[in-house]
Amino acid sequence: MDVHVPRPITRGLRKHGVDVITPQEDGAARWSDPDLLDRASESDRVLVSQDEDLLVEAARRQTHGIVFNGLIYAPQLALTTGDFIEQLELLAKAGIPADFANTVQYLPLR
C-alpha cells in the first residue's frame, strides 16, 4: 500500500487474511515514488496506489526496462471501499507477485 490508500482498505484486507504493509509501518511514509516501488520489489510485494504520479514512474520503468514487482492502481473515487477491498483480495489470493511483474493492473477490474 502507499500513503494514498485509505486505512479502512488496509484494515479490511487484513480482516480477509491478506498480508499488507503500509509505508508508515515500514518507515517509508516520506519516500519518493521510485523508492517505494524499489522497496516493494525488495519485499517481494506489489505496490497498491491511488497516486497518479506512480503511474508515471511505472511507465518510465517499463519504457527503460527497469524491473519492478508491479503496481495496482485505482483512481480515487473509482471504487467503494468494499469493492476496493474485494478486488484487491481477489488479486492477492489468485496471484503471486511474479504475475504482476513490470505491469500496471488498473482497478476496477472489468
PDB file of N, CA and C in Angstrom:
ATOM      1  N   MET A   1       0.843  -1.167   0.000  1.00  0.00           N
ATOM      2  CA  MET A   1       0.000   0.000   0.000  1.00  0.00           C
ATOM      3  C   MET A   1       0.889   1.231   0.000  1.00  0.00           C
ATOM      4  N   ASP A   2       0.402   2.300  -0.583  1.00  0.00           N
ATOM      5  CA  ASP A   2       1.130   3.545  -0.403  1.00  0.00           C
ATOM      6  C   ASP A   2       0.297   4.468   0.483  1.00  0.00           C
ATOM      7  N   VAL A   3       0.815   5.635   0.767  1.00  0.00           N
ATOM      8  CA  VAL A   3       0.169   6.533   1.726  1.00  0.00           C
ATOM      9  C   VAL A   3      -1.164   7.078   1.222  1.00  0.00           C
ATOM     10  N   HIS A   4      -1.457   6.934  -0.056  1.00  0.00           N
ATOM     11  CA  HIS A   4      -2.702   7.460  -0.617  1.00  0.00           C
ATOM     12  C   HIS A   4      -3.882   6.503  -0.483  1.00  0.00           C
ATOM     13  N   VAL A   5      -3.623   5.276  -0.074  1.00  0.00           N
ATOM     14  CA  VAL A   5      -4.705   4.295   0.082  1.00  0.00           C
ATOM     15  C   VAL A   5      -5.283   4.439   1.488  1.00  0.00           C
ATOM     16  N   PRO A   6      -6.593   4.669   1.581  1.00  0.00           N
ATOM     17  CA  PRO A   6      -7.208   4.868   2.901  1.00  0.00           C
ATOM     18  C   PRO A   6      -7.037   3.663   3.835  1.00  0.00           C
ATOM     19  N   ARG A   7      -6.854   3.967   5.109  1.00  0.00           N
ATOM     20  CA  ARG A   7      -6.653   2.925   6.127  1.00  0.00           C
ATOM     21  C   ARG A   7      -7.767   1.880   6.183  1.00  0.00           C
ATOM     22  N   PRO A   8      -9.039   2.245   5.989  1.00  0.00           N
ATOM     23  CA  PRO A   8     -10.074   1.210   6.038  1.00  0.00           C
ATOM     24  C   PRO A   8      -9.862   0.097   5.008  1.00  0.00           C
ATOM     25  N   ILE A   9      -9.216   0.405   3.910  1.00  0.00           N
ATOM     26  CA  ILE A   9      -8.940  -0.627   2.912  1.00  0.00           C
ATOM     27  C   ILE A   9      -7.877  -1.578   3.443  1.00  0.00           C
ATOM     28  N   THR A  10      -6.841  -1.045   4.044  1.00  0.00           N
ATOM     29  CA  THR A  10      -5.806  -1.887   4.648  1.00  0.00           C
ATOM     30  C   THR A  10      -6.407  -2.773   5.738  1.00  0.00           C
ATOM     31  N   ARG A  11      -7.212  -2.168   6.617  1.00  0.00           N
ATOM     32  CA  ARG A  11      -7.834  -2.954   7.694  1.00  0.00           C
ATOM     33  C   ARG A  11      -8.749  -4.039   7.131  1.00  0.00           C
ATOM     34  N   GLY A  12      -9.530  -3.691   6.114  1.00  0.00           N
ATOM     35  CA  GLY A  12     -10.437  -4.667   5.511  1.00  0.00           C
ATOM     36  C   GLY A  12      -9.697  -5.835   4.885  1.00  0.00           C
ATOM     37  N   LEU A  13      -8.600  -5.546   4.210  1.00  0.00           N
ATOM     38  CA  LEU A  13      -7.811  -6.627   3.613  1.00  0.00           C
ATOM     39  C   LEU A  13      -7.244  -7.540   4.690  1.00  0.00           C
ATOM     40  N   ARG A  14      -6.765  -6.952   5.752  1.00  0.00           N
ATOM     41  CA  ARG A  14      -6.214  -7.767   6.844  1.00  0.00           C
ATOM     42  C   ARG A  14      -7.283  -8.652   7.472  1.00  0.00           C
ATOM     43  N   LYS A  15      -8.507  -8.124   7.602  1.00  0.00           N
ATOM     44  CA  LYS A  15      -9.608  -8.935   8.140  1.00  0.00           C
ATOM     45  C   LYS A  15      -9.891 -10.141   7.245  1.00  0.00           C
ATOM     46  N   HIS A  16      -9.574  -9.997   5.950  1.00  0.00           N
ATOM     47  CA  HIS A  16      -9.803 -11.079   4.992  1.00  0.00           C
ATOM     48  C   HIS A  16      -8.550 -11.944   4.798  1.00  0.00           C
ATOM     49  N   GLY A  17      -7.554 -11.744   5.646  1.00  0.00           N
ATOM     50  CA  GLY A  17      -6.375 -12.589   5.608  1.00  0.00           C
ATOM     51  C   GLY A  17      -5.326 -12.220   4.575  1.00  0.00           C
ATOM     52  N   VAL A  18      -5.396 -11.001   4.060  1.00  0.00           N
ATOM     53  CA  VAL A  18      -4.409 -10.561   3.071  1.00  0.00           C
ATOM     54  C   VAL A  18      -3.268  -9.855   3.802  1.00  0.00           C
ATOM     55  N   ASP A  19      -2.054 -10.271   3.516  1.00  0.00           N
ATOM     56  CA  ASP A  19      -0.853  -9.715   4.142  1.00  0.00           C
ATOM     57  C   ASP A  19      -0.481  -8.409   3.438  1.00  0.00           C
ATOM     58  N   VAL A  20      -0.673  -7.301   4.111  1.00  0.00           N
ATOM     59  CA  VAL A  20      -0.336  -5.992   3.556  1.00  0.00           C
ATOM     60  C   VAL A  20       0.514  -5.214   4.543  1.00  0.00           C
ATOM     61  N   ILE A  21       1.282  -4.282   4.018  1.00  0.00           N
ATOM     62  CA  ILE A  21       2.081  -3.387   4.851  1.00  0.00           C
ATOM     63  C   ILE A  21       1.967  -1.984   4.263  1.00  0.00           C
ATOM     64  N   THR A  22       1.941  -1.017   5.138  1.00  0.00           N
ATOM     65  CA  THR A  22       1.865   0.370   4.694  1.00  0.00           C
ATOM     66  C   THR A  22       3.246   1.016   4.800  1.00  0.00           C
ATOM     67  N   PRO A  23       3.483   2.086   4.052  1.00  0.00           N
ATOM     68  CA  PRO A  23       4.761   2.791   4.183  1.00  0.00           C
ATOM     69  C   PRO A  23       4.983   3.312   5.608  1.00  0.00           C
ATOM     70  N   GLN A  24       3.914   3.696   6.285  1.00  0.00           N
ATOM     71  CA  GLN A  24       4.038   4.186   7.655  1.00  0.00           C
ATOM     72  C   GLN A  24       4.595   3.090   8.552  1.00  0.00           C
ATOM     73  N   GLU A  25       4.125   1.874   8.382  1.00  0.00           N
ATOM     74  CA  GLU A  25       4.590   0.747   9.184  1.00  0.00           C
ATOM     75  C   GLU A  25       6.022   0.332   8.817  1.00  0.00           C
ATOM     76  N   ASP A  26       6.395   0.603   7.580  1.00  0.00           N
ATOM     77  CA  ASP A  26       7.697   0.207   7.059  1.00  0.00           C
ATOM     78  C   ASP A  26       8.750   1.316   7.187  1.00  0.00           C
ATOM     79  N   GLY A  27       8.355   2.440   7.790  1.00  0.00           N
ATOM     80  CA  GLY A  27       9.278   3.560   7.931  1.00  0.00           C
ATOM     81  C   GLY A  27       9.550   4.290   6.632  1.00  0.00           C
ATOM     82  N   ALA A  28       8.624   4.187   5.686  1.00  0.00           N
ATOM     83  CA  ALA A  28       8.838   4.751   4.355  1.00  0.00           C
ATOM     84  C   ALA A  28       7.774   5.769   3.965  1.00  0.00           C
ATOM     85  N   ALA A  29       7.116   6.366   4.925  1.00  0.00           N
ATOM     86  CA  ALA A  29       5.987   7.259   4.632  1.00  0.00           C
ATOM     87  C   ALA A  29       6.372   8.477   3.801  1.00  0.00           C
ATOM     88  N   ARG A  30       7.621   8.898   3.867  1.00  0.00           N
ATOM     89  CA  ARG A  30       8.044  10.091   3.122  1.00  0.00           C
ATOM     90  C   ARG A  30       8.979   9.767   1.955  1.00  0.00           C
ATOM     91  N   TRP A  31       8.999   8.523   1.549  1.00  0.00           N
ATOM     92  CA  TRP A  31       9.882   8.103   0.469  1.00  0.00           C
ATOM     93  C   TRP A  31       9.348   8.548  -0.883  1.00  0.00           C
ATOM     94  N   SER A  32      10.225   8.671  -1.849  1.00  0.00           N
ATOM     95  CA  SER A  32       9.839   9.029  -3.212  1.00  0.00           C
ATOM     96  C   SER A  32       9.159   7.833  -3.887  1.00  0.00           C
ATOM     97  N   ASP A  33       8.453   8.108  -4.971  1.00  0.00           N
ATOM     98  CA  ASP A  33       7.778   7.039  -5.710  1.00  0.00           C
ATOM     99  C   ASP A  33       8.758   5.968  -6.200  1.00  0.00           C
ATOM    100  N   PRO A  34       9.909   6.349  -6.786  1.00  0.00           N
ATOM    101  CA  PRO A  34      10.855   5.300  -7.194  1.00  0.00           C
ATOM    102  C   PRO A  34      11.312   4.440  -6.017  1.00  0.00           C
ATOM    103  N   ASP A  35      11.547   5.063  -4.882  1.00  0.00           N
ATOM    104  CA  ASP A  35      11.987   4.310  -3.706  1.00  0.00           C
ATOM    105  C   ASP A  35      10.894   3.375  -3.201  1.00  0.00           C
ATOM    106  N   LEU A  36       9.639   3.802  -3.266  1.00  0.00           N
ATOM    107  CA  LEU A  36       8.538   2.934  -2.841  1.00  0.00           C
ATOM    108  C   LEU A  36       8.421   1.710  -3.745  1.00  0.00           C
ATOM    109  N   LEU A  37       8.551   1.922  -5.057  1.00  0.00           N
ATOM    110  CA  LEU A  37       8.495   0.778  -5.971  1.00  0.00           C
ATOM    111  C   LEU A  37       9.681  -0.155  -5.746  1.00  0.00           C
ATOM    112  N   ASP A  38      10.853   0.409  -5.497  1.00  0.00           N
ATOM    113  CA  ASP A  38      12.024  -0.421  -5.204  1.00  0.00           C
ATOM    114  C   ASP A  38      11.813  -1.229  -3.924  1.00  0.00           C
ATOM    115  N   ARG A  39      11.289  -0.572  -2.902  1.00  0.00           N
ATOM    116  CA  ARG A  39      11.065  -1.250  -1.618  1.00  0.00           C
ATOM    117  C   ARG A  39      10.054  -2.378  -1.770  1.00  0.00           C
ATOM    118  N   ALA A  40       8.991  -2.134  -2.523  1.00  0.00           N
ATOM    119  CA  ALA A  40       8.003  -3.188  -2.756  1.00  0.00           C
ATOM    120  C   ALA A  40       8.660  -4.387  -3.436  1.00  0.00           C
ATOM    121  N   SER A  41       9.498  -4.122  -4.416  1.00  0.00           N
ATOM    122  CA  SER A  41      10.177  -5.213  -5.118  1.00  0.00           C
ATOM    123  C   SER A  41      11.134  -5.953  -4.188  1.00  0.00           C
ATOM    124  N   GLU A  42      11.884  -5.222  -3.379  1.00  0.00           N
ATOM    125  CA  GLU A  42      12.803  -5.847  -2.422  1.00  0.00           C
ATOM    126  C   GLU A  42      12.057  -6.751  -1.444  1.00  0.00           C
ATOM    127  N   SER A  43      10.824  -6.371  -1.132  1.00  0.00           N
ATOM    128  CA  SER A  43       9.998  -7.121  -0.174  1.00  0.00           C
ATOM    129  C   SER A  43       9.145  -8.179  -0.861  1.00  0.00           C
ATOM    130  N   ASP A  44       9.318  -8.341  -2.170  1.00  0.00           N
ATOM    131  CA  ASP A  44       8.519  -9.272  -2.980  1.00  0.00           C
ATOM    132  C   ASP A  44       7.026  -8.982  -2.853  1.00  0.00           C
ATOM    133  N   ARG A  45       6.699  -7.691  -2.956  1.00  0.00           N
ATOM    134  CA  ARG A  45       5.310  -7.246  -2.871  1.00  0.00           C
ATOM    135  C   ARG A  45       4.968  -6.412  -4.096  1.00  0.00           C
ATOM    136  N   VAL A  46       3.683  -6.304  -4.345  1.00  0.00           N
ATOM    137  CA  VAL A  46       3.162  -5.428  -5.380  1.00  0.00           C
ATOM    138  C   VAL A  46       2.671  -4.168  -4.676  1.00  0.00           C
ATOM    139  N   LEU A  47       2.954  -3.010  -5.249  1.00  0.00           N
ATOM    140  CA  LEU A  47       2.533  -1.753  -4.638  1.00  0.00           C
ATOM    141  C   LEU A  47       1.120  -1.408  -5.086  1.00  0.00           C
ATOM    142  N   VAL A  48       0.284  -1.012  -4.152  1.00  0.00           N
ATOM    143  CA  VAL A  48      -1.082  -0.567  -4.435  1.00  0.00           C
ATOM    144  C   VAL A  48      -1.126   0.933  -4.203  1.00  0.00           C
ATOM    145  N   SER A  49      -1.713   1.669  -5.161  1.00  0.00           N
ATOM    146  CA  SER A  49      -1.713   3.119  -5.046  1.00  0.00           C
ATOM    147  C   SER A  49      -2.939   3.747  -5.694  1.00  0.00           C
ATOM    148  N   GLN A  50      -3.200   4.958  -5.255  1.00  0.00           N
ATOM    149  CA  GLN A  50      -4.190   5.816  -5.901  1.00  0.00           C
ATOM    150  C   GLN A  50      -3.520   7.112  -6.345  1.00  0.00           C
ATOM    151  N   ASP A  51      -2.202   7.098  -6.421  1.00  0.00           N
ATOM    152  CA  ASP A  51      -1.398   8.259  -6.768  1.00  0.00           C
ATOM    153  C   ASP A  51      -1.016   8.195  -8.246  1.00  0.00           C
ATOM    154  N   GLU A  52      -1.492   9.154  -9.031  1.00  0.00           N
ATOM    155  CA  GLU A  52      -1.212   9.177 -10.464  1.00  0.00           C
ATOM    156  C   GLU A  52       0.287   9.284 -10.760  1.00  0.00           C
ATOM    157  N   ASP A  53       1.045   9.901  -9.875  1.00  0.00           N
ATOM    158  CA  ASP A  53       2.487  10.024 -10.090  1.00  0.00           C
ATOM    159  C   ASP A  53       3.166   8.657 -10.168  1.00  0.00           C
ATOM    160  N   LEU A  54       2.636   7.676  -9.474  1.00  0.00           N
ATOM    161  CA  LEU A  54       3.213   6.341  -9.547  1.00  0.00           C
ATOM    162  C   LEU A  54       2.993   5.707 -10.915  1.00  0.00           C
ATOM    163  N   LEU A  55       1.926   6.106 -11.603  1.00  0.00           N
ATOM    164  CA  LEU A  55       1.726   5.630 -12.973  1.00  0.00           C
ATOM    165  C   LEU A  55       2.849   6.124 -13.876  1.00  0.00           C
ATOM    166  N   VAL A  56       3.250   7.360 -13.671  1.00  0.00           N
ATOM    167  CA  VAL A  56       4.346   7.936 -14.455  1.00  0.00           C
ATOM    168  C   VAL A  56       5.637   7.157 -14.197  1.00  0.00           C
ATOM    169  N   GLU A  57       5.921   6.878 -12.939  1.00  0.00           N
ATOM    170  CA  GLU A  57       7.132   6.136 -12.592  1.00  0.00           C
ATOM    171  C   GLU A  57       7.087   4.711 -13.147  1.00  0.00           C
ATOM    172  N   ALA A  58       5.948   4.059 -13.071  1.00  0.00           N
ATOM    173  CA  ALA A  58       5.829   2.705 -13.615  1.00  0.00           C
ATOM    174  C   ALA A  58       6.034   2.721 -15.129  1.00  0.00           C
ATOM    175  N   ALA A  59       5.464   3.690 -15.810  1.00  0.00           N
ATOM    176  CA  ALA A  59       5.638   3.801 -17.265  1.00  0.00           C
ATOM    177  C   ALA A  59       7.107   4.050 -17.614  1.00  0.00           C
ATOM    178  N   ARG A  60       7.777   4.867 -16.830  1.00  0.00           N
ATOM    179  CA  ARG A  60       9.200   5.139 -17.060  1.00  0.00           C
ATOM    180  C   ARG A  60      10.003   3.845 -16.952  1.00  0.00           C
ATOM    181  N   ARG A  61       9.684   3.067 -15.950  1.00  0.00           N
ATOM    182  CA  ARG A  61      10.395   1.797 -15.753  1.00  0.00           C
ATOM    183  C   ARG A  61      10.108   0.827 -16.891  1.00  0.00           C
ATOM    184  N   GLN A  62       8.870   0.769 -17.327  1.00  0.00           N
ATOM    185  CA  GLN A  62       8.534  -0.110 -18.438  1.00  0.00           C
ATOM    186  C   GLN A  62       9.282   0.310 -19.702  1.00  0.00           C
ATOM    187  N   THR A  63       9.330   1.598 -19.970  1.00  0.00           N
ATOM    188  CA  THR A  63       9.995   2.119 -21.160  1.00  0.00           C
ATOM    189  C   THR A  63      11.493   1.835 -21.151  1.00  0.00           C
ATOM    190  N   HIS A  64      12.102   1.941 -19.972  1.00  0.00           N
ATOM    191  CA  HIS A  64      13.550   1.795 -19.859  1.00  0.00           C
ATOM    192  C   HIS A  64      13.992   0.406 -19.405  1.00  0.00           C
ATOM    193  N   GLY A  65      13.044  -0.528 -19.295  1.00  0.00           N
ATOM    194  CA  GLY A  65      13.390  -1.892 -18.915  1.00  0.00           C
ATOM    195  C   GLY A  65      13.875  -2.031 -17.484  1.00  0.00           C
ATOM    196  N   ILE A  66      13.383  -1.160 -16.607  1.00  0.00           N
ATOM    197  CA  ILE A  66      13.752  -1.228 -15.188  1.00  0.00           C
ATOM    198  C   ILE A  66      12.733  -2.122 -14.487  1.00  0.00           C
ATOM    199  N   VAL A  67      13.207  -3.193 -13.920  1.00  0.00           N
ATOM    200  CA  VAL A  67      12.338  -4.210 -13.318  1.00  0.00           C
ATOM    201  C   VAL A  67      11.682  -3.681 -12.044  1.00  0.00           C
ATOM    202  N   PHE A  68      10.401  -3.997 -11.889  1.00  0.00           N
ATOM    203  CA  PHE A  68       9.678  -3.719 -10.647  1.00  0.00           C
ATOM    204  C   PHE A  68       8.619  -4.789 -10.466  1.00  0.00           C
ATOM    205  N   ASN A  69       8.149  -4.960  -9.250  1.00  0.00           N
ATOM    206  CA  ASN A  69       7.224  -6.051  -8.932  1.00  0.00           C
ATOM    207  C   ASN A  69       5.791  -5.811  -9.372  1.00  0.00           C
ATOM    208  N   GLY A  70       5.485  -4.633  -9.842  1.00  0.00           N
ATOM    209  CA  GLY A  70       4.140  -4.349 -10.312  1.00  0.00           C
ATOM    210  C   GLY A  70       3.457  -3.295  -9.475  1.00  0.00           C
ATOM    211  N   LEU A  71       2.448  -2.716 -10.094  1.00  0.00           N
ATOM    212  CA  LEU A  71       1.662  -1.662  -9.466  1.00  0.00           C
ATOM    213  C   LEU A  71       0.195  -1.961  -9.700  1.00  0.00           C
ATOM    214  N   ILE A  72      -0.586  -1.881  -8.657  1.00  0.00           N
ATOM    215  CA  ILE A  72      -2.051  -1.938  -8.789  1.00  0.00           C
ATOM    216  C   ILE A  72      -2.539  -0.534  -8.524  1.00  0.00           C
ATOM    217  N   TYR A  73      -3.248   0.026  -9.501  1.00  0.00           N
ATOM    218  CA  TYR A  73      -3.667   1.419  -9.428  1.00  0.00           C
ATOM    219  C   TYR A  73      -5.183   1.529  -9.508  1.00  0.00           C
ATOM    220  N   ALA A  74      -5.744   2.316  -8.599  1.00  0.00           N
ATOM    221  CA  ALA A  74      -7.180   2.615  -8.623  1.00  0.00           C
ATOM    222  C   ALA A  74      -7.355   4.120  -8.502  1.00  0.00           C
ATOM    223  N   PRO A  75      -8.004   4.744  -9.472  1.00  0.00           N
ATOM    224  CA  PRO A  75      -8.261   6.181  -9.339  1.00  0.00           C
ATOM    225  C   PRO A  75      -9.111   6.450  -8.105  1.00  0.00           C
ATOM    226  N   GLN A  76      -8.865   7.583  -7.475  1.00  0.00           N
ATOM    227  CA  GLN A  76      -9.678   7.946  -6.320  1.00  0.00           C
ATOM    228  C   GLN A  76     -11.125   8.085  -6.764  1.00  0.00           C
ATOM    229  N   LEU A  77     -12.018   7.622  -5.939  1.00  0.00           N
ATOM    230  CA  LEU A  77     -13.465   7.652  -6.144  1.00  0.00           C
ATOM    231  C   LEU A  77     -13.951   6.682  -7.222  1.00  0.00           C
ATOM    232  N   ALA A  78     -13.072   5.801  -7.733  1.00  0.00           N
ATOM    233  CA  ALA A  78     -13.490   4.840  -8.763  1.00  0.00           C
ATOM    234  C   ALA A  78     -14.197   3.631  -8.170  1.00  0.00           C
ATOM    235  N   LEU A  79     -13.940   3.366  -6.883  1.00  0.00           N
ATOM    236  CA  LEU A  79     -14.498   2.190  -6.223  1.00  0.00           C
ATOM    237  C   LEU A  79     -14.988   2.559  -4.832  1.00  0.00           C
ATOM    238  N   THR A  80     -16.001   1.855  -4.382  1.00  0.00           N
ATOM    239  CA  THR A  80     -16.359   1.976  -2.977  1.00  0.00           C
ATOM    240  C   THR A  80     -15.285   1.258  -2.169  1.00  0.00           C
ATOM    241  N   THR A  81     -15.227   1.522  -0.890  1.00  0.00           N
ATOM    242  CA  THR A  81     -14.250   0.841  -0.038  1.00  0.00           C
ATOM    243  C   THR A  81     -14.438  -0.666  -0.119  1.00  0.00           C
ATOM    244  N   GLY A  82     -15.674  -1.123  -0.065  1.00  0.00           N
ATOM    245  CA  GLY A  82     -15.952  -2.560  -0.140  1.00  0.00           C
ATOM    246  C   GLY A  82     -15.502  -3.172  -1.452  1.00  0.00           C
ATOM    247  N   ASP A  83     -15.759  -2.490  -2.562  1.00  0.00           N
ATOM    248  CA  ASP A  83     -15.327  -3.003  -3.865  1.00  0.00           C
ATOM    249  C   ASP A  83     -13.808  -3.009  -3.982  1.00  0.00           C
ATOM    250  N   PHE A  84     -13.173  -1.977  -3.448  1.00  0.00           N
ATOM    251  CA  PHE A  84     -11.712  -1.899  -3.473  1.00  0.00           C
ATOM    252  C   PHE A  84     -11.125  -3.096  -2.729  1.00  0.00           C
ATOM    253  N   ILE A  85     -11.635  -3.351  -1.542  1.00  0.00           N
ATOM    254  CA  ILE A  85     -11.160  -4.487  -0.736  1.00  0.00           C
ATOM    255  C   ILE A  85     -11.409  -5.796  -1.477  1.00  0.00           C
ATOM    256  N   GLU A  86     -12.600  -5.964  -2.006  1.00  0.00           N
ATOM    257  CA  GLU A  86     -12.960  -7.204  -2.690  1.00  0.00           C
ATOM    258  C   GLU A  86     -12.038  -7.473  -3.889  1.00  0.00           C
ATOM    259  N   GLN A  87     -11.774  -6.452  -4.680  1.00  0.00           N
ATOM    260  CA  GLN A  87     -10.947  -6.650  -5.864  1.00  0.00           C
ATOM    261  C   GLN A  87      -9.474  -6.882  -5.506  1.00  0.00           C
ATOM    262  N   LEU A  88      -8.975  -6.184  -4.505  1.00  0.00           N
ATOM    263  CA  LEU A  88      -7.599  -6.432  -4.071  1.00  0.00           C
ATOM    264  C   LEU A  88      -7.462  -7.820  -3.465  1.00  0.00           C
ATOM    265  N   GLU A  89      -8.450  -8.233  -2.697  1.00  0.00           N
ATOM    266  CA  GLU A  89      -8.412  -9.579  -2.115  1.00  0.00           C
ATOM    267  C   GLU A  89      -8.378 -10.632  -3.218  1.00  0.00           C
ATOM    268  N   LEU A  90      -9.191 -10.457  -4.236  1.00  0.00           N
ATOM    269  CA  LEU A  90      -9.210 -11.394  -5.358  1.00  0.00           C
ATOM    270  C   LEU A  90      -7.828 -11.480  -6.016  1.00  0.00           C
ATOM    271  N   LEU A  91      -7.236 -10.325  -6.305  1.00  0.00           N
ATOM    272  CA  LEU A  91      -5.914 -10.316  -6.934  1.00  0.00           C
ATOM    273  C   LEU A  91      -4.857 -10.943  -6.026  1.00  0.00           C
ATOM    274  N   ALA A  92      -4.914 -10.632  -4.731  1.00  0.00           N
ATOM    275  CA  ALA A  92      -3.920 -11.149  -3.793  1.00  0.00           C
ATOM    276  C   ALA A  92      -4.017 -12.662  -3.639  1.00  0.00           C
ATOM    277  N   LYS A  93      -5.219 -13.185  -3.626  1.00  0.00           N
ATOM    278  CA  LYS A  93      -5.387 -14.613  -3.382  1.00  0.00           C
ATOM    279  C   LYS A  93      -5.314 -15.447  -4.664  1.00  0.00           C
ATOM    280  N   ALA A  94      -5.521 -14.811  -5.812  1.00  0.00           N
ATOM    281  CA  ALA A  94      -5.487 -15.552  -7.071  1.00  0.00           C
ATOM    282  C   ALA A  94      -4.120 -15.524  -7.737  1.00  0.00           C
ATOM    283  N   GLY A  95      -3.265 -14.627  -7.292  1.00  0.00           N
ATOM    284  CA  GLY A  95      -1.976 -14.496  -7.959  1.00  0.00           C
ATOM    285  C   GLY A  95      -0.818 -14.440  -6.982  1.00  0.00           C
ATOM    286  N   ILE A  96       0.352 -14.333  -7.563  1.00  0.00           N
ATOM    287  CA  ILE A  96       1.582 -14.154  -6.800  1.00  0.00           C
ATOM    288  C   ILE A  96       2.271 -12.911  -7.354  1.00  0.00           C
ATOM    289  N   PRO A  97       3.183 -12.312  -6.614  1.00  0.00           N
ATOM    290  CA  PRO A  97       3.832 -11.097  -7.110  1.00  0.00           C
ATOM    291  C   PRO A  97       4.402 -11.229  -8.524  1.00  0.00           C
ATOM    292  N   ALA A  98       4.945 -12.380  -8.873  1.00  0.00           N
ATOM    293  CA  ALA A  98       5.527 -12.561 -10.207  1.00  0.00           C
ATOM    294  C   ALA A  98       4.491 -12.369 -11.315  1.00  0.00           C
ATOM    295  N   ASP A  99       3.224 -12.613 -11.019  1.00  0.00           N
ATOM    296  CA  ASP A  99       2.159 -12.409 -12.013  1.00  0.00           C
ATOM    297  C   ASP A  99       2.019 -10.942 -12.399  1.00  0.00           C
ATOM    298  N   PHE A 100       2.475 -10.047 -11.550  1.00  0.00           N
ATOM    299  CA  PHE A 100       2.304  -8.616 -11.765  1.00  0.00           C
ATOM    300  C   PHE A 100       3.599  -7.921 -12.193  1.00  0.00           C
ATOM    301  N   ALA A 101       4.676  -8.689 -12.319  1.00  0.00           N
ATOM    302  CA  ALA A 101       5.993  -8.112 -12.591  1.00  0.00           C
ATOM    303  C   ALA A 101       5.965  -7.190 -13.804  1.00  0.00           C
ATOM    304  N   ASN A 102       6.466  -5.977 -13.601  1.00  0.00           N
ATOM    305  CA  ASN A 102       6.637  -4.987 -14.662  1.00  0.00           C
ATOM    306  C   ASN A 102       5.326  -4.556 -15.324  1.00  0.00           C
ATOM    307  N   THR A 103       4.223  -4.697 -14.610  1.00  0.00           N
ATOM    308  CA  THR A 103       2.923  -4.323 -15.165  1.00  0.00           C
ATOM    309  C   THR A 103       2.195  -3.361 -14.237  1.00  0.00           C
ATOM    310  N   VAL A 104       1.174  -2.727 -14.801  1.00  0.00           N
ATOM    311  CA  VAL A 104       0.235  -1.925 -14.022  1.00  0.00           C
ATOM    312  C   VAL A 104      -1.125  -2.574 -14.182  1.00  0.00           C
ATOM    313  N   GLN A 105      -1.730  -2.951 -13.071  1.00  0.00           N
ATOM    314  CA  GLN A 105      -3.081  -3.510 -13.069  1.00  0.00           C
ATOM    315  C   GLN A 105      -4.016  -2.395 -12.613  1.00  0.00           C
ATOM    316  N   TYR A 106      -4.965  -2.048 -13.453  1.00  0.00           N
ATOM    317  CA  TYR A 106      -5.911  -0.982 -13.124  1.00  0.00           C
ATOM    318  C   TYR A 106      -7.159  -1.558 -12.470  1.00  0.00           C
ATOM    319  N   LEU A 107      -7.647  -0.849 -11.487  1.00  0.00           N
ATOM    320  CA  LEU A 107      -8.934  -1.149 -10.867  1.00  0.00           C
ATOM    321  C   LEU A 107      -9.878  -0.010 -11.224  1.00  0.00           C
ATOM    322  N   PRO A 108     -11.151  -0.247 -11.387  1.00  0.00           N
ATOM    323  CA  PRO A 108     -11.821  -1.528 -11.155  1.00  0.00           C
ATOM    324  C   PRO A 108     -11.518  -2.549 -12.248  1.00  0.00           C
ATOM    325  N   LEU A 109     -11.563  -3.816 -11.837  1.00  0.00           N
ATOM    326  CA  LEU A 109     -11.415  -4.900 -12.803  1.00  0.00           C
ATOM    327  C   LEU A 109     -12.629  -4.893 -13.707  1.00  0.00           C
ATOM    328  N   ARG A 110     -12.425  -5.279 -14.896  1.00  0.00           N
ATOM    329  CA  ARG A 110     -13.549  -5.292 -15.850  1.00  0.00           C
ATOM    330  C   ARG A 110     -13.792  -6.687 -16.348  1.00  0.00           C
TER     331      ARG A 110
END
